[in-house]
Amino acid sequence: MPWKNSENRYSTVTVTLHWLMLVLLAVVYACIEFRGIFPKGSGGRTLIKEAHFMLGLTVFALVWLRLFARSMGKAPAIFPASPGWQTFLARLMHWALYLLMIAMPLLGWLITSAEGHQVMFYGFDLPLLIDQDKDFAKQLEGWHVLGGTIGYWLIGLHAVAGLYHHYVVRDNTLLRMMPKRG
């Protein structure tokens, strides 16, 4: 069944969502990093910012599906088993990533609301979450930028840990999340 983990692999749904969200996060970050190639007020800059908002909210929607898929059963075992401190850090990392994928889109939506702008989500105008308050929007934006920087580190450390387990420890940590072959 595509929702259930096996003894040695995550479910098809979990694996698909993991890699899809990696791509989405990469594009979300790329949108905000490359917005500067367009002059302020230009159509290109507006388009890239709207893509950043919409894809960020897509991550927000999909993280709930990921959490549901995660709740469908026990994670596949790691062979050979990791030390307890590594297991603890891995759990902490995963929950930090989930928090990032929930908090960052909400902060973005709050910023846009506080600026008095509507957020478009696949053709639908989302409601403003708070009343217009430019000063609060600037404060929220500072938190959002800090969260984005923390996100770079979390995602990078997560990737390095997976590669470390695969190439140095030589356990099945990474293989549990790889798409099926053939």
N, C-alpha and C. Protein backbone atom coordinates (compact mmCIF):
# COMPACT_ATOMS: atom_id res chain seq x y z
N MET A 1 0.85 -1.18 0.00
CA MET A 1 0.00 0.00 0.00
C MET A 1 0.89 1.24 0.00
N PRO A 2 0.56 2.27 -0.78
CA PRO A 2 1.46 3.42 -0.93
C PRO A 2 1.60 4.28 0.32
N TRP A 3 0.72 4.13 1.33
CA TRP A 3 0.79 4.94 2.55
C TRP A 3 1.57 4.27 3.67
N LYS A 4 1.77 2.98 3.58
CA LYS A 4 2.38 2.23 4.68
C LYS A 4 3.87 2.03 4.46
N ASN A 5 4.65 2.26 5.52
CA ASN A 5 6.08 1.98 5.47
C ASN A 5 6.29 0.48 5.55
N SER A 6 7.35 0.01 4.90
CA SER A 6 7.72 -1.39 5.06
C SER A 6 8.79 -1.46 6.13
N GLU A 7 9.33 -2.63 6.36
CA GLU A 7 10.38 -2.79 7.37
C GLU A 7 11.65 -2.03 6.99
N ASN A 8 11.92 -1.89 5.68
CA ASN A 8 13.19 -1.29 5.27
C ASN A 8 13.05 -0.05 4.38
N ARG A 9 11.81 0.40 4.10
CA ARG A 9 11.62 1.57 3.24
C ARG A 9 10.43 2.39 3.73
N TYR A 10 10.53 3.70 3.48
CA TYR A 10 9.37 4.55 3.72
C TYR A 10 8.34 4.29 2.63
N SER A 11 7.11 4.67 2.89
CA SER A 11 6.02 4.47 1.94
C SER A 11 6.26 5.28 0.67
N THR A 12 5.61 4.87 -0.40
CA THR A 12 5.69 5.58 -1.67
C THR A 12 5.24 7.03 -1.50
N VAL A 13 4.19 7.26 -0.74
CA VAL A 13 3.68 8.61 -0.51
C VAL A 13 4.73 9.44 0.23
N THR A 14 5.31 8.88 1.28
CA THR A 14 6.31 9.61 2.06
C THR A 14 7.54 9.95 1.23
N VAL A 15 8.03 8.99 0.45
CA VAL A 15 9.20 9.22 -0.40
C VAL A 15 8.89 10.29 -1.44
N THR A 16 7.74 10.19 -2.07
CA THR A 16 7.36 11.17 -3.09
C THR A 16 7.25 12.57 -2.49
N LEU A 17 6.59 12.67 -1.35
CA LEU A 17 6.45 13.98 -0.71
C LEU A 17 7.80 14.54 -0.27
N HIS A 18 8.68 13.70 0.23
CA HIS A 18 10.00 14.15 0.66
C HIS A 18 10.75 14.83 -0.48
N TRP A 19 10.84 14.14 -1.62
CA TRP A 19 11.61 14.68 -2.75
C TRP A 19 10.88 15.82 -3.45
N LEU A 20 9.55 15.76 -3.51
CA LEU A 20 8.78 16.87 -4.08
C LEU A 20 8.98 18.13 -3.25
N MET A 21 8.96 17.98 -1.93
CA MET A 21 9.13 19.15 -1.07
C MET A 21 10.55 19.70 -1.13
N LEU A 22 11.52 18.83 -1.35
CA LEU A 22 12.89 19.32 -1.57
C LEU A 22 12.93 20.23 -2.80
N VAL A 23 12.32 19.77 -3.89
CA VAL A 23 12.29 20.58 -5.11
C VAL A 23 11.54 21.89 -4.87
N LEU A 24 10.38 21.80 -4.21
CA LEU A 24 9.61 23.02 -3.92
C LEU A 24 10.41 24.00 -3.07
N LEU A 25 11.07 23.50 -2.03
CA LEU A 25 11.86 24.38 -1.17
C LEU A 25 13.01 25.02 -1.96
N ALA A 26 13.63 24.25 -2.83
CA ALA A 26 14.72 24.80 -3.65
C ALA A 26 14.19 25.93 -4.54
N VAL A 27 13.02 25.74 -5.11
CA VAL A 27 12.44 26.78 -5.98
C VAL A 27 11.99 27.98 -5.15
N VAL A 28 11.43 27.75 -3.97
CA VAL A 28 11.03 28.85 -3.09
C VAL A 28 12.24 29.70 -2.74
N TYR A 29 13.34 29.04 -2.35
CA TYR A 29 14.57 29.78 -2.04
C TYR A 29 15.12 30.48 -3.28
N ALA A 30 15.11 29.79 -4.42
CA ALA A 30 15.63 30.39 -5.65
C ALA A 30 14.83 31.63 -6.04
N CYS A 31 13.51 31.57 -5.88
CA CYS A 31 12.68 32.73 -6.22
C CYS A 31 13.10 33.95 -5.43
N ILE A 32 13.28 33.78 -4.14
CA ILE A 32 13.59 34.95 -3.32
C ILE A 32 15.04 35.40 -3.55
N GLU A 33 15.94 34.48 -3.82
CA GLU A 33 17.34 34.84 -4.05
C GLU A 33 17.51 35.56 -5.40
N PHE A 34 16.74 35.17 -6.40
CA PHE A 34 16.91 35.72 -7.74
C PHE A 34 15.95 36.86 -8.07
N ARG A 35 15.15 37.27 -7.11
CA ARG A 35 14.22 38.37 -7.39
C ARG A 35 14.97 39.65 -7.75
N GLY A 36 16.19 39.77 -7.25
CA GLY A 36 16.99 40.96 -7.48
C GLY A 36 17.43 41.15 -8.92
N ILE A 37 17.29 40.12 -9.75
CA ILE A 37 17.67 40.30 -11.15
C ILE A 37 16.65 41.15 -11.90
N PHE A 38 15.49 41.33 -11.27
CA PHE A 38 14.45 42.16 -11.88
C PHE A 38 14.37 43.48 -11.11
N PRO A 39 14.16 44.58 -11.80
CA PRO A 39 14.03 45.87 -11.10
C PRO A 39 12.76 45.91 -10.24
N LYS A 40 12.83 46.65 -9.12
CA LYS A 40 11.66 46.80 -8.25
C LYS A 40 10.50 47.36 -9.05
N GLY A 41 9.32 46.80 -8.81
CA GLY A 41 8.11 47.25 -9.49
C GLY A 41 7.89 46.63 -10.85
N SER A 42 8.85 45.83 -11.34
CA SER A 42 8.69 45.22 -12.67
C SER A 42 7.78 44.00 -12.59
N GLY A 43 7.24 43.66 -13.74
CA GLY A 43 6.39 42.47 -13.83
C GLY A 43 7.14 41.20 -13.48
N GLY A 44 8.40 41.10 -13.89
CA GLY A 44 9.20 39.92 -13.58
C GLY A 44 9.41 39.74 -12.09
N ARG A 45 9.69 40.84 -11.41
CA ARG A 45 9.90 40.77 -9.95
C ARG A 45 8.60 40.39 -9.25
N THR A 46 7.48 40.96 -9.70
CA THR A 46 6.18 40.63 -9.11
C THR A 46 5.88 39.14 -9.32
N LEU A 47 6.14 38.65 -10.52
CA LEU A 47 5.89 37.24 -10.83
C LEU A 47 6.71 36.31 -9.94
N ILE A 48 7.98 36.63 -9.77
CA ILE A 48 8.86 35.76 -8.99
C ILE A 48 8.48 35.81 -7.50
N LYS A 49 8.04 36.99 -7.01
CA LYS A 49 7.59 37.08 -5.62
C LYS A 49 6.29 36.31 -5.42
N GLU A 50 5.38 36.39 -6.39
CA GLU A 50 4.12 35.65 -6.28
C GLU A 50 4.37 34.14 -6.33
N ALA A 51 5.33 33.71 -7.15
CA ALA A 51 5.70 32.29 -7.18
C ALA A 51 6.26 31.87 -5.83
N HIS A 52 7.08 32.73 -5.21
CA HIS A 52 7.62 32.46 -3.88
C HIS A 52 6.49 32.26 -2.88
N PHE A 53 5.50 33.16 -2.89
CA PHE A 53 4.36 33.04 -1.97
C PHE A 53 3.57 31.77 -2.22
N MET A 54 3.21 31.54 -3.48
CA MET A 54 2.35 30.41 -3.82
C MET A 54 3.04 29.07 -3.53
N LEU A 55 4.30 28.95 -3.90
CA LEU A 55 5.01 27.69 -3.65
C LEU A 55 5.28 27.49 -2.16
N GLY A 56 5.53 28.59 -1.43
CA GLY A 56 5.68 28.49 0.01
C GLY A 56 4.42 27.97 0.67
N LEU A 57 3.27 28.46 0.22
CA LEU A 57 2.00 27.97 0.75
C LEU A 57 1.71 26.54 0.30
N THR A 58 2.24 26.15 -0.85
CA THR A 58 2.11 24.76 -1.28
C THR A 58 2.88 23.85 -0.32
N VAL A 59 4.07 24.29 0.08
CA VAL A 59 4.84 23.55 1.10
C VAL A 59 4.02 23.44 2.38
N PHE A 60 3.39 24.54 2.78
CA PHE A 60 2.56 24.55 4.00
C PHE A 60 1.44 23.52 3.90
N ALA A 61 0.78 23.43 2.75
CA ALA A 61 -0.30 22.46 2.57
C ALA A 61 0.24 21.03 2.58
N LEU A 62 1.35 20.81 1.90
CA LEU A 62 1.90 19.46 1.79
C LEU A 62 2.52 18.95 3.08
N VAL A 63 3.01 19.85 3.93
CA VAL A 63 3.63 19.38 5.18
C VAL A 63 2.60 18.66 6.04
N TRP A 64 1.35 19.09 5.98
CA TRP A 64 0.31 18.41 6.76
C TRP A 64 0.06 17.00 6.22
N LEU A 65 0.13 16.86 4.90
CA LEU A 65 0.01 15.53 4.30
C LEU A 65 1.20 14.66 4.71
N ARG A 66 2.38 15.26 4.76
CA ARG A 66 3.58 14.52 5.21
C ARG A 66 3.44 14.07 6.65
N LEU A 67 2.95 14.96 7.51
CA LEU A 67 2.77 14.59 8.91
C LEU A 67 1.73 13.47 9.05
N PHE A 68 0.69 13.53 8.22
CA PHE A 68 -0.30 12.45 8.24
C PHE A 68 0.34 11.13 7.80
N ALA A 69 1.11 11.18 6.71
CA ALA A 69 1.79 9.98 6.23
C ALA A 69 2.74 9.44 7.29
N ARG A 70 3.41 10.34 7.98
CA ARG A 70 4.34 9.93 9.05
C ARG A 70 3.61 9.21 10.17
N SER A 71 2.38 9.63 10.42
CA SER A 71 1.60 9.03 11.51
C SER A 71 1.05 7.65 11.15
N MET A 72 1.18 7.25 9.89
CA MET A 72 0.59 5.99 9.43
C MET A 72 1.35 4.75 9.90
N GLY A 73 2.48 4.93 10.51
CA GLY A 73 3.21 3.75 10.99
C GLY A 73 4.60 4.10 11.44
N LYS A 74 5.25 3.10 11.93
CA LYS A 74 6.60 3.23 12.45
C LYS A 74 7.59 3.44 11.30
N ALA A 75 8.62 4.25 11.57
CA ALA A 75 9.67 4.46 10.57
C ALA A 75 10.45 3.17 10.36
N PRO A 76 10.91 2.93 9.14
CA PRO A 76 11.74 1.74 8.90
C PRO A 76 13.01 1.79 9.75
N ALA A 77 13.43 0.65 10.20
CA ALA A 77 14.61 0.57 11.06
C ALA A 77 15.88 0.91 10.29
N ILE A 78 16.85 1.46 11.02
CA ILE A 78 18.17 1.75 10.45
C ILE A 78 19.08 0.58 10.80
N PHE A 79 19.76 0.05 9.77
CA PHE A 79 20.72 -1.05 9.97
C PHE A 79 22.07 -0.64 9.44
N PRO A 80 23.13 -0.77 10.18
CA PRO A 80 23.13 -1.06 11.62
C PRO A 80 22.56 0.13 12.39
N ALA A 81 22.02 -0.16 13.56
CA ALA A 81 21.36 0.85 14.38
C ALA A 81 22.32 1.99 14.75
N SER A 82 21.78 3.20 14.78
CA SER A 82 22.57 4.37 15.15
C SER A 82 22.64 4.50 16.67
N PRO A 83 23.70 5.15 17.15
CA PRO A 83 23.76 5.43 18.59
C PRO A 83 22.58 6.30 19.02
N GLY A 84 22.21 6.23 20.28
CA GLY A 84 21.07 6.98 20.80
C GLY A 84 21.16 8.47 20.58
N TRP A 85 22.36 9.04 20.71
CA TRP A 85 22.50 10.48 20.53
C TRP A 85 22.22 10.89 19.09
N GLN A 86 22.58 10.02 18.12
CA GLN A 86 22.29 10.34 16.72
C GLN A 86 20.79 10.24 16.44
N THR A 87 20.16 9.26 17.03
CA THR A 87 18.71 9.11 16.88
C THR A 87 18.00 10.33 17.44
N PHE A 88 18.43 10.80 18.60
CA PHE A 88 17.86 12.00 19.22
C PHE A 88 18.03 13.21 18.30
N LEU A 89 19.26 13.41 17.81
CA LEU A 89 19.51 14.56 16.93
C LEU A 89 18.71 14.46 15.63
N ALA A 90 18.56 13.25 15.10
CA ALA A 90 17.78 13.07 13.87
C ALA A 90 16.32 13.46 14.10
N ARG A 91 15.76 13.03 15.23
CA ARG A 91 14.37 13.40 15.55
C ARG A 91 14.24 14.91 15.71
N LEU A 92 15.19 15.49 16.42
CA LEU A 92 15.18 16.94 16.61
C LEU A 92 15.24 17.66 15.26
N MET A 93 16.12 17.19 14.38
CA MET A 93 16.25 17.78 13.05
C MET A 93 14.95 17.68 12.26
N HIS A 94 14.33 16.50 12.28
CA HIS A 94 13.08 16.34 11.53
C HIS A 94 11.99 17.28 12.05
N TRP A 95 11.85 17.39 13.36
CA TRP A 95 10.83 18.27 13.91
C TRP A 95 11.16 19.74 13.63
N ALA A 96 12.43 20.08 13.62
CA ALA A 96 12.83 21.45 13.26
C ALA A 96 12.46 21.75 11.80
N LEU A 97 12.67 20.78 10.92
CA LEU A 97 12.30 20.96 9.51
C LEU A 97 10.78 21.09 9.35
N TYR A 98 10.02 20.27 10.08
CA TYR A 98 8.56 20.39 10.02
C TYR A 98 8.12 21.77 10.52
N LEU A 99 8.72 22.23 11.61
CA LEU A 99 8.40 23.55 12.15
C LEU A 99 8.71 24.63 11.11
N LEU A 100 9.85 24.50 10.45
CA LEU A 100 10.23 25.45 9.40
C LEU A 100 9.17 25.47 8.29
N MET A 101 8.72 24.29 7.86
CA MET A 101 7.77 24.20 6.74
C MET A 101 6.37 24.66 7.13
N ILE A 102 6.11 24.79 8.43
CA ILE A 102 4.84 25.33 8.90
C ILE A 102 4.97 26.83 9.17
N ALA A 103 6.02 27.20 9.91
CA ALA A 103 6.16 28.59 10.36
C ALA A 103 6.48 29.56 9.24
N MET A 104 7.37 29.18 8.32
CA MET A 104 7.80 30.12 7.28
C MET A 104 6.65 30.56 6.36
N PRO A 105 5.84 29.63 5.85
CA PRO A 105 4.71 30.09 5.03
C PRO A 105 3.72 30.95 5.83
N LEU A 106 3.49 30.58 7.09
CA LEU A 106 2.58 31.39 7.91
C LEU A 106 3.14 32.79 8.12
N LEU A 107 4.43 32.89 8.39
CA LEU A 107 5.06 34.21 8.53
C LEU A 107 4.93 35.01 7.24
N GLY A 108 5.16 34.35 6.10
CA GLY A 108 5.02 35.03 4.82
C GLY A 108 3.61 35.55 4.60
N TRP A 109 2.63 34.73 4.95
CA TRP A 109 1.23 35.12 4.80
C TRP A 109 0.90 36.29 5.74
N LEU A 110 1.43 36.22 6.97
CA LEU A 110 1.22 37.31 7.92
C LEU A 110 1.87 38.61 7.44
N ILE A 111 3.09 38.51 6.89
CA ILE A 111 3.78 39.70 6.36
C ILE A 111 2.93 40.34 5.28
N THR A 112 2.50 39.52 4.33
CA THR A 112 1.71 40.03 3.20
C THR A 112 0.41 40.66 3.69
N SER A 113 -0.22 40.02 4.67
CA SER A 113 -1.45 40.57 5.25
C SER A 113 -1.17 41.90 5.93
N ALA A 114 -0.10 41.96 6.74
CA ALA A 114 0.23 43.20 7.46
C ALA A 114 0.61 44.32 6.50
N GLU A 115 1.10 43.97 5.32
CA GLU A 115 1.39 44.98 4.30
C GLU A 115 0.12 45.44 3.57
N GLY A 116 -0.99 44.74 3.83
CA GLY A 116 -2.27 45.11 3.22
C GLY A 116 -2.48 44.50 1.85
N HIS A 117 -1.72 43.46 1.51
CA HIS A 117 -1.83 42.83 0.20
C HIS A 117 -2.53 41.48 0.32
N GLN A 118 -3.27 41.16 -0.71
CA GLN A 118 -3.93 39.86 -0.81
C GLN A 118 -2.91 38.82 -1.26
N VAL A 119 -3.05 37.60 -0.77
CA VAL A 119 -2.20 36.50 -1.22
C VAL A 119 -3.01 35.64 -2.18
N MET A 120 -2.44 35.41 -3.36
CA MET A 120 -3.08 34.58 -4.38
C MET A 120 -2.52 33.17 -4.25
N PHE A 121 -3.42 32.19 -4.22
CA PHE A 121 -3.01 30.79 -4.11
C PHE A 121 -3.75 30.00 -5.19
N TYR A 122 -3.05 29.72 -6.28
CA TYR A 122 -3.60 28.99 -7.42
C TYR A 122 -4.95 29.55 -7.87
N GLY A 123 -4.99 30.88 -8.03
CA GLY A 123 -6.18 31.54 -8.55
C GLY A 123 -7.17 31.98 -7.50
N PHE A 124 -6.94 31.63 -6.24
CA PHE A 124 -7.85 32.03 -5.16
C PHE A 124 -7.19 33.08 -4.30
N ASP A 125 -7.95 34.12 -3.97
CA ASP A 125 -7.45 35.13 -3.02
C ASP A 125 -7.66 34.59 -1.62
N LEU A 126 -6.56 34.47 -0.88
CA LEU A 126 -6.66 34.02 0.51
C LEU A 126 -7.01 35.21 1.39
N PRO A 127 -7.69 34.96 2.49
CA PRO A 127 -8.06 36.08 3.36
C PRO A 127 -6.83 36.68 4.05
N LEU A 128 -6.92 37.95 4.38
CA LEU A 128 -5.88 38.58 5.17
C LEU A 128 -5.95 38.01 6.58
N LEU A 129 -4.82 37.66 7.15
CA LEU A 129 -4.80 37.07 8.49
C LEU A 129 -4.87 38.13 9.59
N ILE A 130 -4.33 39.32 9.30
CA ILE A 130 -4.33 40.42 10.27
C ILE A 130 -4.56 41.73 9.54
N ASP A 131 -4.88 42.76 10.31
CA ASP A 131 -5.08 44.09 9.73
C ASP A 131 -3.73 44.67 9.27
N GLN A 132 -3.82 45.62 8.39
CA GLN A 132 -2.61 46.27 7.87
C GLN A 132 -1.87 46.97 9.00
N ASP A 133 -0.56 46.70 9.07
CA ASP A 133 0.33 47.32 10.07
C ASP A 133 1.75 47.21 9.53
N LYS A 134 2.19 48.28 8.86
CA LYS A 134 3.49 48.26 8.17
C LYS A 134 4.66 48.00 9.12
N ASP A 135 4.60 48.55 10.34
CA ASP A 135 5.68 48.34 11.31
C ASP A 135 5.76 46.86 11.72
N PHE A 136 4.61 46.27 11.97
CA PHE A 136 4.58 44.85 12.34
C PHE A 136 5.03 43.99 11.17
N ALA A 137 4.69 44.41 9.95
CA ALA A 137 5.13 43.68 8.76
C ALA A 137 6.66 43.65 8.69
N LYS A 138 7.29 44.77 8.99
CA LYS A 138 8.77 44.82 8.98
C LYS A 138 9.36 43.89 10.04
N GLN A 139 8.75 43.85 11.22
CA GLN A 139 9.22 42.97 12.29
C GLN A 139 9.06 41.51 11.87
N LEU A 140 7.92 41.18 11.32
CA LEU A 140 7.68 39.81 10.84
C LEU A 140 8.66 39.44 9.74
N GLU A 141 8.96 40.40 8.87
CA GLU A 141 9.90 40.14 7.78
C GLU A 141 11.29 39.80 8.33
N GLY A 142 11.69 40.46 9.38
CA GLY A 142 12.97 40.14 10.01
C GLY A 142 12.99 38.71 10.52
N TRP A 143 11.90 38.27 11.13
CA TRP A 143 11.80 36.88 11.60
C TRP A 143 11.82 35.91 10.43
N HIS A 144 11.13 36.30 9.35
CA HIS A 144 11.06 35.45 8.16
C HIS A 144 12.45 35.28 7.53
N VAL A 145 13.20 36.37 7.46
CA VAL A 145 14.56 36.30 6.91
C VAL A 145 15.44 35.43 7.80
N LEU A 146 15.34 35.61 9.12
CA LEU A 146 16.10 34.77 10.05
C LEU A 146 15.72 33.31 9.89
N GLY A 147 14.42 33.04 9.78
CA GLY A 147 13.95 31.66 9.57
C GLY A 147 14.48 31.09 8.27
N GLY A 148 14.55 31.91 7.23
CA GLY A 148 15.10 31.45 5.95
C GLY A 148 16.56 31.06 6.08
N THR A 149 17.32 31.85 6.82
CA THR A 149 18.73 31.53 7.05
C THR A 149 18.87 30.24 7.85
N ILE A 150 18.08 30.11 8.89
CA ILE A 150 18.08 28.86 9.68
C ILE A 150 17.70 27.69 8.79
N GLY A 151 16.74 27.91 7.89
CA GLY A 151 16.31 26.86 6.97
C GLY A 151 17.43 26.38 6.07
N TYR A 152 18.25 27.30 5.57
CA TYR A 152 19.41 26.90 4.77
C TYR A 152 20.27 25.91 5.56
N TRP A 153 20.55 26.25 6.81
CA TRP A 153 21.40 25.40 7.65
C TRP A 153 20.74 24.06 7.94
N LEU A 154 19.44 24.08 8.28
CA LEU A 154 18.74 22.82 8.58
C LEU A 154 18.73 21.89 7.37
N ILE A 155 18.39 22.44 6.22
CA ILE A 155 18.33 21.63 5.00
C ILE A 155 19.72 21.11 4.65
N GLY A 156 20.72 21.97 4.75
CA GLY A 156 22.09 21.55 4.45
C GLY A 156 22.58 20.47 5.41
N LEU A 157 22.34 20.64 6.71
CA LEU A 157 22.76 19.63 7.68
C LEU A 157 22.02 18.31 7.47
N HIS A 158 20.76 18.40 7.12
CA HIS A 158 19.96 17.20 6.85
C HIS A 158 20.56 16.43 5.67
N ALA A 159 20.91 17.14 4.61
CA ALA A 159 21.52 16.51 3.43
C ALA A 159 22.88 15.92 3.76
N VAL A 160 23.70 16.67 4.48
CA VAL A 160 25.03 16.17 4.86
C VAL A 160 24.91 14.93 5.73
N ALA A 161 23.96 14.93 6.67
CA ALA A 161 23.77 13.77 7.54
C ALA A 161 23.38 12.54 6.71
N GLY A 162 22.48 12.72 5.75
CA GLY A 162 22.09 11.60 4.89
C GLY A 162 23.27 11.05 4.11
N LEU A 163 24.07 11.94 3.55
CA LEU A 163 25.26 11.50 2.80
C LEU A 163 26.30 10.86 3.72
N TYR A 164 26.48 11.41 4.92
CA TYR A 164 27.39 10.83 5.90
C TYR A 164 26.98 9.40 6.24
N HIS A 165 25.69 9.21 6.49
CA HIS A 165 25.21 7.86 6.81
C HIS A 165 25.40 6.91 5.64
N HIS A 166 25.22 7.40 4.44
CA HIS A 166 25.33 6.54 3.26
C HIS A 166 26.78 6.18 2.93
N TYR A 167 27.65 7.19 2.92
CA TYR A 167 29.02 6.96 2.45
C TYR A 167 30.05 6.67 3.54
N VAL A 168 29.80 7.12 4.76
CA VAL A 168 30.78 6.91 5.84
C VAL A 168 30.32 5.78 6.75
N VAL A 169 29.13 5.91 7.31
CA VAL A 169 28.62 4.88 8.21
C VAL A 169 28.19 3.64 7.43
N ARG A 170 27.74 3.86 6.21
CA ARG A 170 27.27 2.80 5.31
C ARG A 170 26.07 2.02 5.88
N ASP A 171 25.14 2.80 6.44
CA ASP A 171 23.89 2.17 6.88
C ASP A 171 22.81 2.46 5.84
N ASN A 172 21.59 2.11 6.15
CA ASN A 172 20.50 2.24 5.17
C ASN A 172 19.66 3.52 5.37
N THR A 173 20.18 4.50 6.12
CA THR A 173 19.42 5.72 6.40
C THR A 173 18.92 6.37 5.11
N LEU A 174 19.80 6.62 4.18
CA LEU A 174 19.42 7.28 2.94
C LEU A 174 18.60 6.36 2.04
N LEU A 175 18.97 5.09 2.00
CA LEU A 175 18.27 4.15 1.12
C LEU A 175 16.79 4.01 1.48
N ARG A 176 16.44 4.21 2.74
CA ARG A 176 15.03 4.10 3.17
C ARG A 176 14.16 5.16 2.50
N MET A 177 14.79 6.29 2.09
CA MET A 177 14.04 7.41 1.51
C MET A 177 14.25 7.55 0.01
N MET A 178 15.00 6.66 -0.60
CA MET A 178 15.25 6.75 -2.04
C MET A 178 14.07 6.18 -2.82
N PRO A 179 13.76 6.76 -3.99
CA PRO A 179 12.70 6.20 -4.83
C PRO A 179 13.05 4.78 -5.26
N LYS A 180 12.01 3.97 -5.45
CA LYS A 180 12.24 2.59 -5.91
C LYS A 180 12.79 2.60 -7.32
N ARG A 181 13.63 1.64 -7.59
CA ARG A 181 14.20 1.50 -8.94
C ARG A 181 13.48 0.38 -9.68
N GLY A 182 13.34 0.59 -10.99
CA GLY A 182 12.79 -0.45 -11.84
C GLY A 182 11.38 -0.63 -11.64
